[in-house]
């Protein structure tokens, strides 16, 4: 079984994850852009039971663009967002792909809210990528 480690920039907040993600996706929504400071957010969702948490997290809760509640957990020392949960995916934990620091991490298979995609950012080239349109 695959074991992966995700961590914040300073290493204080980390996750040990057993097994494969149930979904790997990218989000182009404006809220994700603000949250990450990047033009796209990438996440891997895992079942809660797959994850062992270590360190202290600070929480920030808000509604998503589609109106669903989200709670983000980030390191109180370095500020890195490491993981989050949401009412639209109960029992799952979304982990920021960049926190794995693994260039061989599998590519996203779902692309969300491409209507907000920056025009200079190429859309996923894999024709099997599921596209989820903007909601609301």
Protein backbone atom coordinates (compact mmCIF):
# COMPACT_ATOMS: atom_id res chain seq x y z
CA UNK A 1 0.00 0.00 0.00
CA UNK A 2 1.23 3.48 -0.86
CA UNK A 3 2.07 5.84 2.02
CA UNK A 4 2.35 9.54 1.28
CA UNK A 5 3.36 12.45 3.50
CA UNK A 6 1.96 15.96 3.09
CA UNK A 7 3.33 18.88 5.10
CA UNK A 8 3.26 22.64 5.42
CA UNK A 9 6.28 24.70 4.45
CA UNK A 10 7.88 24.62 7.92
CA UNK A 11 6.92 20.98 8.61
CA UNK A 12 4.96 21.67 11.82
CA UNK A 13 1.64 20.43 10.33
CA UNK A 14 1.75 17.14 8.46
CA UNK A 15 -0.39 14.25 7.27
CA UNK A 16 0.51 10.62 6.71
CA UNK A 17 -1.83 9.06 4.18
CA UNK A 18 -2.29 5.37 3.40
CA UNK A 19 -3.62 4.38 -0.01
CA UNK A 20 -4.80 6.16 -3.10
CA UNK A 21 -6.97 9.28 -3.39
CA UNK A 22 -10.63 8.89 -4.31
CA UNK A 23 -10.47 12.01 -6.51
CA UNK A 24 -7.77 14.35 -7.84
CA UNK A 25 -8.99 17.68 -9.14
CA UNK A 26 -8.15 21.24 -10.06
CA UNK A 27 -10.34 24.25 -9.36
CA UNK A 28 -10.29 27.52 -11.27
CA UNK A 29 -12.81 29.43 -9.12
CA UNK A 30 -11.94 32.92 -7.93
CA UNK A 31 -12.16 31.94 -4.25
CA UNK A 32 -9.52 29.22 -4.74
CA UNK A 33 -7.38 31.71 -6.61
CA UNK A 34 -7.56 34.11 -3.65
CA UNK A 35 -6.95 31.34 -1.11
CA UNK A 36 -3.86 29.96 -2.83
CA UNK A 37 -2.45 33.12 -4.38
CA UNK A 38 -2.18 31.08 -7.58
CA UNK A 39 -4.39 30.89 -10.67
CA UNK A 40 -5.49 27.34 -9.91
CA UNK A 41 -5.99 25.11 -6.88
CA UNK A 42 -5.12 21.42 -6.96
CA UNK A 43 -6.43 18.88 -4.47
CA UNK A 44 -6.48 15.17 -3.78
CA UNK A 45 -9.39 13.84 -1.75
CA UNK A 46 -8.89 10.96 0.66
CA UNK A 47 -11.22 9.15 3.03
CA UNK A 48 -10.76 10.48 6.56
CA UNK A 49 -9.77 7.00 7.77
CA UNK A 50 -6.74 7.01 5.46
CA UNK A 51 -5.13 9.98 7.21
CA UNK A 52 -3.08 10.41 10.38
CA UNK A 53 -2.77 14.08 11.39
CA UNK A 54 0.22 15.58 13.25
CA UNK A 55 0.82 19.13 14.44
CA UNK A 56 -1.46 22.06 15.14
CA UNK A 57 -3.80 23.59 12.58
CA UNK A 58 -5.67 26.88 12.52
CA UNK A 59 -9.10 26.83 10.89
CA UNK A 60 -10.86 29.23 8.54
CA UNK A 61 -14.46 28.52 7.52
CA UNK A 62 -16.37 30.06 4.63
CA UNK A 63 -18.92 29.26 1.96
CA UNK A 64 -17.75 28.14 -1.45
CA UNK A 65 -18.86 29.92 -4.62
CA UNK A 66 -21.56 27.23 -4.90
CA UNK A 67 -22.78 27.96 -1.35
CA UNK A 68 -21.39 24.89 0.42
CA UNK A 69 -19.56 25.24 3.75
CA UNK A 70 -15.78 24.66 3.67
CA UNK A 71 -13.27 24.59 6.53
CA UNK A 72 -9.61 25.12 5.66
CA UNK A 73 -6.77 24.02 7.94
CA UNK A 74 -3.46 25.77 7.74
CA UNK A 75 -0.23 26.00 9.73
CA UNK A 76 -0.32 28.80 12.34
CA UNK A 77 3.47 29.18 11.99
CA UNK A 78 4.09 29.37 8.21
CA UNK A 79 0.50 29.89 6.94
CA UNK A 80 0.48 27.04 4.41
CA UNK A 81 -2.97 25.61 3.68
CA UNK A 82 -2.54 21.84 4.01
CA UNK A 83 -6.06 20.37 3.98
CA UNK A 84 -9.78 21.16 4.11
CA UNK A 85 -13.18 19.59 4.50
CA UNK A 86 -16.52 20.50 3.00
CA UNK A 87 -20.18 19.69 3.33
CA UNK A 88 -20.29 18.73 -0.36
CA UNK A 89 -17.79 15.88 0.24
CA UNK A 90 -18.63 14.39 3.68
CA UNK A 91 -16.20 11.84 5.10
CA UNK A 92 -13.45 13.05 2.78
CA UNK A 93 -10.48 15.35 3.34
CA UNK A 94 -9.05 17.45 0.50
CA UNK A 95 -5.26 17.80 0.63
CA UNK A 96 -3.39 20.45 -1.35
CA UNK A 97 -1.32 18.51 -3.90
CA UNK A 98 1.64 20.87 -3.50
CA UNK A 99 2.00 19.82 0.15
CA UNK A 100 3.19 16.40 -1.04
CA UNK A 101 6.17 18.05 -2.78
CA UNK A 102 6.11 15.15 -5.23
CA UNK A 103 6.45 15.90 -8.96
CA UNK A 104 5.30 12.32 -9.65
CA UNK A 105 1.95 12.77 -7.90
CA UNK A 106 -0.85 11.68 -10.27
CA UNK A 107 -2.45 14.36 -12.45
CA UNK A 108 -5.95 15.69 -11.80
CA UNK A 109 -8.79 13.89 -13.56
CA UNK A 110 -11.43 16.52 -12.75
CA UNK A 111 -11.35 20.22 -13.72
CA UNK A 112 -13.84 22.49 -11.96
CA UNK A 113 -15.16 25.91 -12.98
CA UNK A 114 -13.10 26.34 -16.14
CA UNK A 115 -15.21 29.42 -16.92
CA UNK A 116 -12.96 31.25 -14.43
CA UNK A 117 -9.73 29.83 -15.93
CA UNK A 118 -7.14 32.42 -16.90
CA UNK A 119 -7.00 32.43 -20.71
CA UNK A 120 -3.22 32.01 -20.77
CA UNK A 121 -3.48 28.81 -18.70
CA UNK A 122 -3.92 25.80 -20.96
CA UNK A 123 -6.87 23.54 -20.19
CA UNK A 124 -6.12 19.89 -19.36
CA UNK A 125 -5.08 18.08 -22.53
CA UNK A 126 -6.35 14.64 -21.49
CA UNK A 127 -9.73 14.12 -23.23
CA UNK A 128 -10.91 11.89 -20.37
CA UNK A 129 -10.69 14.76 -17.85
CA UNK A 130 -14.13 15.35 -16.34
CA UNK A 131 -15.17 19.00 -16.59
CA UNK A 132 -17.52 20.41 -13.96
CA UNK A 133 -19.12 23.75 -14.96
CA UNK A 134 -19.54 26.74 -12.69
CA UNK A 135 -22.52 26.37 -10.39
CA UNK A 136 -24.87 29.03 -9.14
